[in-house]
Each structure stands twice: as C-alpha cells, then as structure tokens.
Amino acid sequence: MVFPLIEEILIMLSNLGAVEEDRAVTKDALNQSEKLRGKSIDEDVKRLIETGYVKDHNGRLYLTKAGLFRALSRFS
C-alpha cells in the first residue's frame, strides 16, 4: 500500500513502537526508513504535532493515542 507522506510518518512511528514518551524516536530515525528516506518531513511532522497526533519531547517524536488510532485505522 502507498499512503500520503503524513500517513507514512504515522505508520512508521507506530511500527517503531514510538507510542509513549520513553519510546520516542528522532526525525533522523524516521528518515532511515525506506519509505521516508530522502524526503523532507519537517512540515508534515509540524502539522501532526499541531493536530495532536504526535508529540515532541526534547526533539524526539512519539504518537499520541489519537495518532496511534489514526495510524492503525488505515488497516481496518
């Protein structure tokens, strides 16, 4: 399946297990994934934070409950 970049970010955070503060990952970790490599994700991450789907904790990102629900709903 091919998803828009913003959806790929949500799915990747879920796949990496970044679902709580102590499991948060950096943007660099996201950029290491094959689907996100070489893409500029800064604006999309900012939008996800503004909409409450992602939280930023000291430069590390993780999904909120709403973000996890949205990521997983793509497969149902």
PDB file of N, CA and C in Angstrom:
ATOM      1  N   MET A   1       0.828  -1.186   0.000  1.00  0.00           N
ATOM      2  CA  MET A   1       0.000   0.000   0.000  1.00  0.00           C
ATOM      3  C   MET A   1       0.870   1.247   0.000  1.00  0.00           C
ATOM      4  N   VAL A   2       0.399   2.254  -0.694  1.00  0.00           N
ATOM      5  CA  VAL A   2       1.096   3.539  -0.716  1.00  0.00           C
ATOM      6  C   VAL A   2       0.185   4.566  -0.057  1.00  0.00           C
ATOM      7  N   PHE A   3       0.729   5.255   0.941  1.00  0.00           N
ATOM      8  CA  PHE A   3      -0.026   6.263   1.674  1.00  0.00           C
ATOM      9  C   PHE A   3       0.623   7.618   1.463  1.00  0.00           C
ATOM     10  N   PRO A   4      -0.140   8.702   1.649  1.00  0.00           N
ATOM     11  CA  PRO A   4       0.475  10.038   1.624  1.00  0.00           C
ATOM     12  C   PRO A   4       1.565  10.119   2.697  1.00  0.00           C
ATOM     13  N   LEU A   5       2.498  11.023   2.514  1.00  0.00           N
ATOM     14  CA  LEU A   5       3.644  11.134   3.416  1.00  0.00           C
ATOM     15  C   LEU A   5       3.227  11.277   4.876  1.00  0.00           C
ATOM     16  N   ILE A   6       2.220  12.068   5.145  1.00  0.00           N
ATOM     17  CA  ILE A   6       1.787  12.285   6.532  1.00  0.00           C
ATOM     18  C   ILE A   6       1.310  10.970   7.162  1.00  0.00           C
ATOM     19  N   GLU A   7       0.661  10.141   6.368  1.00  0.00           N
ATOM     20  CA  GLU A   7       0.209   8.831   6.852  1.00  0.00           C
ATOM     21  C   GLU A   7       1.398   7.895   7.042  1.00  0.00           C
ATOM     22  N   GLU A   8       2.376   7.970   6.156  1.00  0.00           N
ATOM     23  CA  GLU A   8       3.575   7.143   6.276  1.00  0.00           C
ATOM     24  C   GLU A   8       4.318   7.453   7.574  1.00  0.00           C
ATOM     25  N   ILE A   9       4.348   8.721   7.946  1.00  0.00           N
ATOM     26  CA  ILE A   9       5.009   9.111   9.195  1.00  0.00           C
ATOM     27  C   ILE A   9       4.289   8.492  10.381  1.00  0.00           C
ATOM     28  N   LEU A  10       2.976   8.576  10.398  1.00  0.00           N
ATOM     29  CA  LEU A  10       2.200   7.969  11.487  1.00  0.00           C
ATOM     30  C   LEU A  10       2.440   6.466  11.552  1.00  0.00           C
ATOM     31  N   ILE A  11       2.385   5.812  10.420  1.00  0.00           N
ATOM     32  CA  ILE A  11       2.576   4.360  10.371  1.00  0.00           C
ATOM     33  C   ILE A  11       3.987   3.989  10.825  1.00  0.00           C
ATOM     34  N   MET A  12       4.981   4.750  10.389  1.00  0.00           N
ATOM     35  CA  MET A  12       6.355   4.455  10.771  1.00  0.00           C
ATOM     36  C   MET A  12       6.564   4.627  12.267  1.00  0.00           C
ATOM     37  N   LEU A  13       6.000   5.682  12.851  1.00  0.00           N
ATOM     38  CA  LEU A  13       6.102   5.856  14.301  1.00  0.00           C
ATOM     39  C   LEU A  13       5.472   4.670  15.028  1.00  0.00           C
ATOM     40  N   SER A  14       4.358   4.209  14.533  1.00  0.00           N
ATOM     41  CA  SER A  14       3.710   3.039  15.117  1.00  0.00           C
ATOM     42  C   SER A  14       4.590   1.803  14.966  1.00  0.00           C
ATOM     43  N   ASN A  15       5.128   1.588  13.778  1.00  0.00           N
ATOM     44  CA  ASN A  15       5.987   0.422  13.532  1.00  0.00           C
ATOM     45  C   ASN A  15       7.242   0.432  14.401  1.00  0.00           C
ATOM     46  N   LEU A  16       7.751   1.624  14.684  1.00  0.00           N
ATOM     47  CA  LEU A  16       8.939   1.747  15.529  1.00  0.00           C
ATOM     48  C   LEU A  16       8.611   1.642  17.014  1.00  0.00           C
ATOM     49  N   GLY A  17       7.331   1.582  17.341  1.00  0.00           N
ATOM     50  CA  GLY A  17       6.923   1.470  18.736  1.00  0.00           C
ATOM     51  C   GLY A  17       6.974   2.780  19.488  1.00  0.00           C
ATOM     52  N   ALA A  18       7.030   3.899  18.758  1.00  0.00           N
ATOM     53  CA  ALA A  18       7.107   5.221  19.380  1.00  0.00           C
ATOM     54  C   ALA A  18       5.702   5.663  19.783  1.00  0.00           C
ATOM     55  N   VAL A  19       5.205   5.040  20.850  1.00  0.00           N
ATOM     56  CA  VAL A  19       3.827   5.285  21.269  1.00  0.00           C
ATOM     57  C   VAL A  19       3.739   5.877  22.678  1.00  0.00           C
ATOM     58  N   GLU A  20       4.891   6.192  23.241  1.00  0.00           N
ATOM     59  CA  GLU A  20       4.921   6.880  24.527  1.00  0.00           C
ATOM     60  C   GLU A  20       6.257   7.600  24.649  1.00  0.00           C
ATOM     61  N   GLU A  21       6.320   8.516  25.581  1.00  0.00           N
ATOM     62  CA  GLU A  21       7.483   9.398  25.699  1.00  0.00           C
ATOM     63  C   GLU A  21       8.811   8.653  25.800  1.00  0.00           C
ATOM     64  N   ASP A  22       8.866   7.601  26.596  1.00  0.00           N
ATOM     65  CA  ASP A  22      10.146   6.908  26.778  1.00  0.00           C
ATOM     66  C   ASP A  22      10.537   6.020  25.595  1.00  0.00           C
ATOM     67  N   ARG A  23       9.676   5.942  24.579  1.00  0.00           N
ATOM     68  CA  ARG A  23       9.993   5.178  23.366  1.00  0.00           C
ATOM     69  C   ARG A  23      10.053   6.081  22.132  1.00  0.00           C
ATOM     70  N   ALA A  24      10.117   7.390  22.368  1.00  0.00           N
ATOM     71  CA  ALA A  24      10.141   8.369  21.287  1.00  0.00           C
ATOM     72  C   ALA A  24      11.400   8.206  20.430  1.00  0.00           C
ATOM     73  N   VAL A  25      11.295   8.603  19.160  1.00  0.00           N
ATOM     74  CA  VAL A  25      12.411   8.488  18.213  1.00  0.00           C
ATOM     75  C   VAL A  25      12.701   9.848  17.582  1.00  0.00           C
ATOM     76  N   THR A  26      13.885   9.991  17.054  1.00  0.00           N
ATOM     77  CA  THR A  26      14.274  11.237  16.402  1.00  0.00           C
ATOM     78  C   THR A  26      13.771  11.260  14.955  1.00  0.00           C
ATOM     79  N   LYS A  27      13.768  12.453  14.369  1.00  0.00           N
ATOM     80  CA  LYS A  27      13.429  12.575  12.948  1.00  0.00           C
ATOM     81  C   LYS A  27      14.429  11.802  12.104  1.00  0.00           C
ATOM     82  N   ASP A  28      15.677  11.770  12.541  1.00  0.00           N
ATOM     83  CA  ASP A  28      16.697  11.012  11.804  1.00  0.00           C
ATOM     84  C   ASP A  28      16.341   9.531  11.750  1.00  0.00           C
ATOM     85  N   ALA A  29      15.811   9.006  12.843  1.00  0.00           N
ATOM     86  CA  ALA A  29      15.399   7.600  12.851  1.00  0.00           C
ATOM     87  C   ALA A  29      14.274   7.366  11.843  1.00  0.00           C
ATOM     88  N   LEU A  30      13.358   8.325  11.737  1.00  0.00           N
ATOM     89  CA  LEU A  30      12.286   8.212  10.753  1.00  0.00           C
ATOM     90  C   LEU A  30      12.849   8.258   9.334  1.00  0.00           C
ATOM     91  N   ASN A  31      13.814   9.128   9.114  1.00  0.00           N
ATOM     92  CA  ASN A  31      14.405   9.271   7.785  1.00  0.00           C
ATOM     93  C   ASN A  31      15.222   8.058   7.357  1.00  0.00           C
ATOM     94  N   GLN A  32      15.522   7.165   8.279  1.00  0.00           N
ATOM     95  CA  GLN A  32      16.256   5.951   7.935  1.00  0.00           C
ATOM     96  C   GLN A  32      15.361   4.908   7.266  1.00  0.00           C
ATOM     97  N   SER A  33      14.058   5.058   7.420  1.00  0.00           N
ATOM     98  CA  SER A  33      13.149   4.093   6.806  1.00  0.00           C
ATOM     99  C   SER A  33      13.155   4.257   5.292  1.00  0.00           C
ATOM    100  N   GLU A  34      12.959   3.178   4.612  1.00  0.00           N
ATOM    101  CA  GLU A  34      13.000   3.188   3.146  1.00  0.00           C
ATOM    102  C   GLU A  34      11.969   4.141   2.549  1.00  0.00           C
ATOM    103  N   LYS A  35      10.782   4.167   3.109  1.00  0.00           N
ATOM    104  CA  LYS A  35       9.706   4.991   2.546  1.00  0.00           C
ATOM    105  C   LYS A  35       9.891   6.484   2.809  1.00  0.00           C
ATOM    106  N   LEU A  36      10.639   6.836   3.833  1.00  0.00           N
ATOM    107  CA  LEU A  36      10.804   8.242   4.177  1.00  0.00           C
ATOM    108  C   LEU A  36      12.184   8.773   3.829  1.00  0.00           C
ATOM    109  N   ARG A  37      13.097   7.913   3.477  1.00  0.00           N
ATOM    110  CA  ARG A  37      14.482   8.312   3.202  1.00  0.00           C
ATOM    111  C   ARG A  37      14.542   9.371   2.104  1.00  0.00           C
ATOM    112  N   GLY A  38      15.256  10.446   2.389  1.00  0.00           N
ATOM    113  CA  GLY A  38      15.462  11.495   1.401  1.00  0.00           C
ATOM    114  C   GLY A  38      14.302  12.469   1.254  1.00  0.00           C
ATOM    115  N   LYS A  39      13.260  12.298   2.046  1.00  0.00           N
ATOM    116  CA  LYS A  39      12.110  13.198   1.953  1.00  0.00           C
ATOM    117  C   LYS A  39      12.155  14.205   3.090  1.00  0.00           C
ATOM    118  N   SER A  40      11.686  15.395   2.814  1.00  0.00           N
ATOM    119  CA  SER A  40      11.598  16.425   3.834  1.00  0.00           C
ATOM    120  C   SER A  40      10.308  16.211   4.621  1.00  0.00           C
ATOM    121  N   ILE A  41      10.459  15.889   5.892  1.00  0.00           N
ATOM    122  CA  ILE A  41       9.279  15.575   6.700  1.00  0.00           C
ATOM    123  C   ILE A  41       8.970  16.658   7.725  1.00  0.00           C
ATOM    124  N   ASP A  42       9.781  17.710   7.781  1.00  0.00           N
ATOM    125  CA  ASP A  42       9.629  18.729   8.822  1.00  0.00           C
ATOM    126  C   ASP A  42       8.234  19.348   8.856  1.00  0.00           C
ATOM    127  N   GLU A  43       7.714  19.771   7.716  1.00  0.00           N
ATOM    128  CA  GLU A  43       6.392  20.416   7.679  1.00  0.00           C
ATOM    129  C   GLU A  43       5.286  19.427   8.062  1.00  0.00           C
ATOM    130  N   ASP A  44       5.409  18.192   7.603  1.00  0.00           N
ATOM    131  CA  ASP A  44       4.396  17.190   7.938  1.00  0.00           C
ATOM    132  C   ASP A  44       4.421  16.856   9.429  1.00  0.00           C
ATOM    133  N   VAL A  45       5.606  16.747   9.999  1.00  0.00           N
ATOM    134  CA  VAL A  45       5.716  16.486  11.435  1.00  0.00           C
ATOM    135  C   VAL A  45       5.130  17.658  12.222  1.00  0.00           C
ATOM    136  N   LYS A  46       5.423  18.870  11.787  1.00  0.00           N
ATOM    137  CA  LYS A  46       4.861  20.060  12.447  1.00  0.00           C
ATOM    138  C   LYS A  46       3.334  20.016  12.415  1.00  0.00           C
ATOM    139  N   ARG A  47       2.771  19.649  11.266  1.00  0.00           N
ATOM    140  CA  ARG A  47       1.315  19.558  11.133  1.00  0.00           C
ATOM    141  C   ARG A  47       0.742  18.475  12.051  1.00  0.00           C
ATOM    142  N   LEU A  48       1.441  17.335  12.152  1.00  0.00           N
ATOM    143  CA  LEU A  48       0.984  16.259  13.025  1.00  0.00           C
ATOM    144  C   LEU A  48       1.016  16.673  14.494  1.00  0.00           C
ATOM    145  N   ILE A  49       2.017  17.454  14.865  1.00  0.00           N
ATOM    146  CA  ILE A  49       2.091  17.969  16.238  1.00  0.00           C
ATOM    147  C   ILE A  49       0.955  18.950  16.492  1.00  0.00           C
ATOM    148  N   GLU A  50       0.720  19.845  15.547  1.00  0.00           N
ATOM    149  CA  GLU A  50      -0.347  20.850  15.694  1.00  0.00           C
ATOM    150  C   GLU A  50      -1.728  20.209  15.781  1.00  0.00           C
ATOM    151  N   THR A  51      -1.935  19.095  15.100  1.00  0.00           N
ATOM    152  CA  THR A  51      -3.240  18.430  15.122  1.00  0.00           C
ATOM    153  C   THR A  51      -3.385  17.450  16.281  1.00  0.00           C
ATOM    154  N   GLY A  52      -2.316  17.286  17.067  1.00  0.00           N
ATOM    155  CA  GLY A  52      -2.405  16.444  18.261  1.00  0.00           C
ATOM    156  C   GLY A  52      -2.159  14.968  18.020  1.00  0.00           C
ATOM    157  N   TYR A  53      -1.654  14.600  16.856  1.00  0.00           N
ATOM    158  CA  TYR A  53      -1.374  13.194  16.571  1.00  0.00           C
ATOM    159  C   TYR A  53       0.021  12.773  17.017  1.00  0.00           C
ATOM    160  N   VAL A  54       0.923  13.725  17.128  1.00  0.00           N
ATOM    161  CA  VAL A  54       2.311  13.446  17.505  1.00  0.00           C
ATOM    162  C   VAL A  54       2.735  14.455  18.567  1.00  0.00           C
ATOM    163  N   LYS A  55       3.563  14.009  19.490  1.00  0.00           N
ATOM    164  CA  LYS A  55       4.163  14.897  20.493  1.00  0.00           C
ATOM    165  C   LYS A  55       5.667  14.918  20.278  1.00  0.00           C
ATOM    166  N   ASP A  56       6.250  16.053  20.595  1.00  0.00           N
ATOM    167  CA  ASP A  56       7.699  16.233  20.522  1.00  0.00           C
ATOM    168  C   ASP A  56       8.208  16.385  21.943  1.00  0.00           C
ATOM    169  N   HIS A  57       9.110  15.509  22.334  1.00  0.00           N
ATOM    170  CA  HIS A  57       9.710  15.571  23.665  1.00  0.00           C
ATOM    171  C   HIS A  57      11.219  15.693  23.493  1.00  0.00           C
ATOM    172  N   ASN A  58      11.718  16.904  23.651  1.00  0.00           N
ATOM    173  CA  ASN A  58      13.156  17.177  23.517  1.00  0.00           C
ATOM    174  C   ASN A  58      13.722  16.689  22.178  1.00  0.00           C
ATOM    175  N   GLY A  59      12.988  16.952  21.111  1.00  0.00           N
ATOM    176  CA  GLY A  59      13.459  16.576  19.783  1.00  0.00           C
ATOM    177  C   GLY A  59      13.178  15.141  19.401  1.00  0.00           C
ATOM    178  N   ARG A  60      12.487  14.427  20.244  1.00  0.00           N
ATOM    179  CA  ARG A  60      12.123  13.037  19.962  1.00  0.00           C
ATOM    180  C   ARG A  60      10.607  12.964  19.814  1.00  0.00           C
ATOM    181  N   LEU A  61      10.150  12.182  18.861  1.00  0.00           N
ATOM    182  CA  LEU A  61       8.737  12.137  18.495  1.00  0.00           C
ATOM    183  C   LEU A  61       8.071  10.845  18.916  1.00  0.00           C
ATOM    184  N   TYR A  62       6.801  10.960  19.291  1.00  0.00           N
ATOM    185  CA  TYR A  62       6.009   9.765  19.574  1.00  0.00           C
ATOM    186  C   TYR A  62       4.541  10.051  19.291  1.00  0.00           C
ATOM    187  N   LEU A  63       3.792   8.985  19.070  1.00  0.00           N
ATOM    188  CA  LEU A  63       2.368   9.107  18.774  1.00  0.00           C
ATOM    189  C   LEU A  63       1.556   9.330  20.028  1.00  0.00           C
ATOM    190  N   THR A  64       0.544  10.169  19.916  1.00  0.00           N
ATOM    191  CA  THR A  64      -0.457  10.277  20.969  1.00  0.00           C
ATOM    192  C   THR A  64      -1.446   9.127  20.759  1.00  0.00           C
ATOM    193  N   LYS A  65      -2.390   8.971  21.661  1.00  0.00           N
ATOM    194  CA  LYS A  65      -3.409   7.930  21.472  1.00  0.00           C
ATOM    195  C   LYS A  65      -4.196   8.178  20.195  1.00  0.00           C
ATOM    196  N   ALA A  66      -4.506   9.437  19.925  1.00  0.00           N
ATOM    197  CA  ALA A  66      -5.239   9.770  18.697  1.00  0.00           C
ATOM    198  C   ALA A  66      -4.401   9.441  17.469  1.00  0.00           C
ATOM    199  N   GLY A  67      -3.096   9.701  17.539  1.00  0.00           N
ATOM    200  CA  GLY A  67      -2.203   9.391  16.425  1.00  0.00           C
ATOM    201  C   GLY A  67      -2.088   7.904  16.184  1.00  0.00           C
ATOM    202  N   LEU A  68      -2.006   7.133  17.257  1.00  0.00           N
ATOM    203  CA  LEU A  68      -1.941   5.677  17.133  1.00  0.00           C
ATOM    204  C   LEU A  68      -3.230   5.137  16.533  1.00  0.00           C
ATOM    205  N   PHE A  69      -4.361   5.654  16.993  1.00  0.00           N
ATOM    206  CA  PHE A  69      -5.649   5.227  16.447  1.00  0.00           C
ATOM    207  C   PHE A  69      -5.717   5.528  14.952  1.00  0.00           C
ATOM    208  N   ARG A  70      -5.278   6.721  14.560  1.00  0.00           N
ATOM    209  CA  ARG A  70      -5.313   7.076  13.139  1.00  0.00           C
ATOM    210  C   ARG A  70      -4.381   6.185  12.323  1.00  0.00           C
ATOM    211  N   ALA A  71      -3.193   5.929  12.828  1.00  0.00           N
ATOM    212  CA  ALA A  71      -2.240   5.073  12.108  1.00  0.00           C
ATOM    213  C   ALA A  71      -2.811   3.676  11.917  1.00  0.00           C
ATOM    214  N   LEU A  72      -3.366   3.120  12.965  1.00  0.00           N
ATOM    215  CA  LEU A  72      -3.870   1.749  12.890  1.00  0.00           C
ATOM    216  C   LEU A  72      -5.183   1.650  12.105  1.00  0.00           C
ATOM    217  N   SER A  73      -5.943   2.732  12.057  1.00  0.00           N
ATOM    218  CA  SER A  73      -7.225   2.700  11.339  1.00  0.00           C
ATOM    219  C   SER A  73      -7.021   2.561   9.827  1.00  0.00           C
ATOM    220  N   ARG A  74      -5.831   2.813   9.345  1.00  0.00           N
ATOM    221  CA  ARG A  74      -5.539   2.668   7.912  1.00  0.00           C
ATOM    222  C   ARG A  74      -5.606   1.220   7.463  1.00  0.00           C
ATOM    223  N   PHE A  75      -5.555   0.301   8.428  1.00  0.00           N
ATOM    224  CA  PHE A  75      -5.527  -1.112   8.089  1.00  0.00           C
ATOM    225  C   PHE A  75      -6.819  -1.840   8.408  1.00  0.00           C
ATOM    226  N   SER A  76      -7.836  -1.098   8.802  1.00  0.00           N
ATOM    227  CA  SER A  76      -9.106  -1.758   9.135  1.00  0.00           C
ATOM    228  C   SER A  76     -10.181  -1.444   8.120  1.00  0.00           C
TER     229      SER A  76
END
